[in-house]
C-alpha atoms as a PDB file:
ATOM      1  CA  UNK A   1       0.307  -0.027  -0.193  1.00  0.00           C
ATOM      2  CA  UNK A   2       0.968   3.565  -0.347  1.00  0.00           C
ATOM      3  CA  UNK A   3       3.014   5.015   2.394  1.00  0.00           C
ATOM      4  CA  UNK A   4       5.428   7.310   4.095  1.00  0.00           C
ATOM      5  CA  UNK A   5       7.938   7.002   6.938  1.00  0.00           C
ATOM      6  CA  UNK A   6       9.339   9.522   8.355  1.00  0.00           C
ATOM      7  CA  UNK A   7      12.981   9.559  10.660  1.00  0.00           C
ATOM      8  CA  UNK A   8      15.365  11.496  11.903  1.00  0.00           C
ATOM      9  CA  UNK A   9      13.731  13.333  14.741  1.00  0.00           C
ATOM     10  CA  UNK A  10      15.672  13.714  17.908  1.00  0.00           C
ATOM     11  CA  UNK A  11      15.952  16.382  20.581  1.00  0.00           C
ATOM     12  CA  UNK A  12      18.675  18.939  20.201  1.00  0.00           C
ATOM     13  CA  UNK A  13      19.402  22.390  21.316  1.00  0.00           C
ATOM     14  CA  UNK A  14      19.085  26.487  20.142  1.00  0.00           C
ATOM     15  CA  UNK A  15      20.942  26.622  16.895  1.00  0.00           C
ATOM     16  CA  UNK A  16      21.464  23.121  16.121  1.00  0.00           C
ATOM     17  CA  UNK A  17      20.480  21.353  13.717  1.00  0.00           C
ATOM     18  CA  UNK A  18      18.942  18.045  12.069  1.00  0.00           C
ATOM     19  CA  UNK A  19      17.728  16.145   8.489  1.00  0.00           C
ATOM     20  CA  UNK A  20      14.528  14.649   8.524  1.00  0.00           C
ATOM     21  CA  UNK A  21      14.237  11.663   6.088  1.00  0.00           C
ATOM     22  CA  UNK A  22      10.760  10.539   4.407  1.00  0.00           C
ATOM     23  CA  UNK A  23      10.430   7.285   2.315  1.00  0.00           C
ATOM     24  CA  UNK A  24       7.481   6.727   0.732  1.00  0.00           C
ATOM     25  CA  UNK A  25       6.733   2.960  -0.943  1.00  0.00           C
ATOM     26  CA  UNK A  26       3.806   1.375  -2.833  1.00  0.00           C
ATOM     27  CA  UNK A  27       3.440   4.010  -4.951  1.00  0.00           C
ATOM     28  CA  UNK A  28       6.356   5.650  -8.008  1.00  0.00           C
ATOM     29  CA  UNK A  29       7.665   8.726  -5.595  1.00  0.00           C
ATOM     30  CA  UNK A  30       9.358  10.372  -8.705  1.00  0.00           C
ATOM     31  CA  UNK A  31       6.035  10.379  -9.755  1.00  0.00           C
ATOM     32  CA  UNK A  32       4.784  13.269  -6.944  1.00  0.00           C
ATOM     33  CA  UNK A  33       5.805  17.217  -6.066  1.00  0.00           C
ATOM     34  CA  UNK A  34       6.046  16.563  -1.361  1.00  0.00           C
ATOM     35  CA  UNK A  35       5.555  18.990   1.250  1.00  0.00           C
ATOM     36  CA  UNK A  36       6.776  19.103   4.957  1.00  0.00           C
ATOM     37  CA  UNK A  37       4.613  19.948   7.634  1.00  0.00           C
ATOM     38  CA  UNK A  38       4.984  20.238  11.494  1.00  0.00           C
ATOM     39  CA  UNK A  39       2.240  20.221  14.185  1.00  0.00           C
ATOM     40  CA  UNK A  40       2.292  22.183  17.375  1.00  0.00           C
ATOM     41  CA  UNK A  41       0.709  21.361  20.736  1.00  0.00           C
ATOM     42  CA  UNK A  42      -2.421  23.018  20.179  1.00  0.00           C
ATOM     43  CA  UNK A  43      -1.933  24.408  17.419  1.00  0.00           C
ATOM     44  CA  UNK A  44      -2.766  23.610  13.769  1.00  0.00           C
ATOM     45  CA  UNK A  45      -0.990  22.038  10.874  1.00  0.00           C
ATOM     46  CA  UNK A  46       1.040  24.261   9.446  1.00  0.00           C
ATOM     47  CA  UNK A  47       2.560  23.593   6.177  1.00  0.00           C
ATOM     48  CA  UNK A  48       6.940  24.718   5.841  1.00  0.00           C
ATOM     49  CA  UNK A  49       7.879  23.950   1.909  1.00  0.00           C
ATOM     50  CA  UNK A  50       7.234  21.354  -0.465  1.00  0.00           C
ATOM     51  CA  UNK A  51       9.998  20.291  -3.880  1.00  0.00           C
ATOM     52  CA  UNK A  52       9.170  19.356  -7.391  1.00  0.00           C
ATOM     53  CA  UNK A  53       8.882  16.211  -8.616  1.00  0.00           C
ATOM     54  CA  UNK A  54      12.202  16.316  -9.863  1.00  0.00           C
ATOM     55  CA  UNK A  55      13.610  18.902  -8.298  1.00  0.00           C
ATOM     56  CA  UNK A  56      13.559  22.220  -9.541  1.00  0.00           C
ATOM     57  CA  UNK A  57      11.063  23.839  -7.906  1.00  0.00           C
ATOM     58  CA  UNK A  58      10.785  24.477  -4.161  1.00  0.00           C
ATOM     59  CA  UNK A  59       9.022  26.949  -1.789  1.00  0.00           C
ATOM     60  CA  UNK A  60       9.153  27.174   1.772  1.00  0.00           C
ATOM     61  CA  UNK A  61       7.067  29.485   4.768  1.00  0.00           C
ATOM     62  CA  UNK A  62       8.170  32.347   5.851  1.00  0.00           C
ATOM     63  CA  UNK A  63       8.905  31.155   9.372  1.00  0.00           C
ATOM     64  CA  UNK A  64      11.675  29.010   8.180  1.00  0.00           C
ATOM     65  CA  UNK A  65      12.850  30.392   4.590  1.00  0.00           C
ATOM     66  CA  UNK A  66      16.969  30.519   4.974  1.00  0.00           C
ATOM     67  CA  UNK A  67      17.155  27.801   7.560  1.00  0.00           C
ATOM     68  CA  UNK A  68      15.414  25.051   6.350  1.00  0.00           C
ATOM     69  CA  UNK A  69      16.107  23.223   2.025  1.00  0.00           C
ATOM     70  CA  UNK A  70      14.183  19.864   1.153  1.00  0.00           C
ATOM     71  CA  UNK A  71      15.943  18.272  -1.421  1.00  0.00           C
ATOM     72  CA  UNK A  72      14.456  14.536  -2.604  1.00  0.00           C
ATOM     73  CA  UNK A  73      16.319  11.429  -3.890  1.00  0.00           C
ATOM     74  CA  UNK A  74      13.775   9.525  -6.338  1.00  0.00           C
ATOM     75  CA  UNK A  75      16.328   7.040  -6.795  1.00  0.00           C
ATOM     76  CA  UNK A  76      15.850   6.732  -2.828  1.00  0.00           C
ATOM     77  CA  UNK A  77      12.840   7.088  -2.428  1.00  0.00           C
ATOM     78  CA  UNK A  78      13.135   9.712  -0.179  1.00  0.00           C
ATOM     79  CA  UNK A  79      12.483  13.322   0.395  1.00  0.00           C
ATOM     80  CA  UNK A  80      14.418  15.176   2.433  1.00  0.00           C
ATOM     81  CA  UNK A  81      14.545  18.244   5.376  1.00  0.00           C
ATOM     82  CA  UNK A  82      17.472  19.983   6.810  1.00  0.00           C
ATOM     83  CA  UNK A  83      17.095  21.652   9.105  1.00  0.00           C
ATOM     84  CA  UNK A  84      19.388  25.054  10.855  1.00  0.00           C
ATOM     85  CA  UNK A  85      19.891  27.158  13.362  1.00  0.00           C
ATOM     86  CA  UNK A  86      16.847  26.348  14.977  1.00  0.00           C
ATOM     87  CA  UNK A  87      14.996  27.673  17.576  1.00  0.00           C
ATOM     88  CA  UNK A  88      12.511  26.784  20.661  1.00  0.00           C
ATOM     89  CA  UNK A  89       9.409  27.732  17.934  1.00  0.00           C
ATOM     90  CA  UNK A  90      10.421  24.709  15.766  1.00  0.00           C
ATOM     91  CA  UNK A  91       9.705  21.645  18.625  1.00  0.00           C
ATOM     92  CA  UNK A  92       6.908  19.773  16.716  1.00  0.00           C
ATOM     93  CA  UNK A  93       5.945  16.530  15.108  1.00  0.00           C
ATOM     94  CA  UNK A  94       7.407  16.760  11.416  1.00  0.00           C
ATOM     95  CA  UNK A  95       5.334  15.533   8.757  1.00  0.00           C
ATOM     96  CA  UNK A  96       5.666  14.777   4.542  1.00  0.00           C
ATOM     97  CA  UNK A  97       3.111  14.655   3.100  1.00  0.00           C
ATOM     98  CA  UNK A  98       2.380  13.121  -0.787  1.00  0.00           C
ATOM     99  CA  UNK A  99       0.916  16.320  -3.248  1.00  0.00           C
ATOM    100  CA  UNK A 100      -1.519  14.512  -5.213  1.00  0.00           C
ATOM    101  CA  UNK A 101      -2.561  18.108  -7.120  1.00  0.00           C
ATOM    102  CA  UNK A 102      -2.833  22.222  -6.318  1.00  0.00           C
ATOM    103  CA  UNK A 103      -1.584  21.879  -2.135  1.00  0.00           C
ATOM    104  CA  UNK A 104      -4.187  18.228  -1.880  1.00  0.00           C
ATOM    105  CA  UNK A 105      -2.705  15.834  -0.581  1.00  0.00           C
ATOM    106  CA  UNK A 106      -3.655  12.179   0.198  1.00  0.00           C
ATOM    107  CA  UNK A 107      -0.389  10.280   1.746  1.00  0.00           C
ATOM    108  CA  UNK A 108       0.749  11.623   5.585  1.00  0.00           C
ATOM    109  CA  UNK A 109       3.605   9.290   7.438  1.00  0.00           C
ATOM    110  CA  UNK A 110       3.419   8.996  11.026  1.00  0.00           C
ATOM    111  CA  UNK A 111       5.512  12.101  12.238  1.00  0.00           C
ATOM    112  CA  UNK A 112       8.792  12.407  13.972  1.00  0.00           C
ATOM    113  CA  UNK A 113       8.786  14.654  16.749  1.00  0.00           C
ATOM    114  CA  UNK A 114      11.331  18.238  17.165  1.00  0.00           C
ATOM    115  CA  UNK A 115      11.717  18.973  19.611  1.00  0.00           C
ATOM    116  CA  UNK A 116      14.771  22.014  20.483  1.00  0.00           C
ATOM    117  CA  UNK A 117      15.508  23.034  23.610  1.00  0.00           C
ATOM    118  CA  UNK A 118      16.956  25.899  24.772  1.00  0.00           C
END
């Protein structure tokens, strides 16, 4: 079945870095744009970044622009989120999602926790 599995979360100090990975299976990964989202306790899910199906186009939320970088390796069915200069407000569960068209998403991973401490 179609599945996305995130990994790479953890606990870091303010200013640290993490790289999240999301592996897709059960579909032709390179045919779909992919995105990253996050959700902090008591808050709505927030869009962070997206990447086109061949990786030639990216978009970022203002809150992470210049600190986070999305990339993909279609040979490995994997999308990445490199997160630098992490802040305490980046603490959340991070999700990857498959985009089927125009900001519509049909498949989500289970999420990976990122905790940034001061």
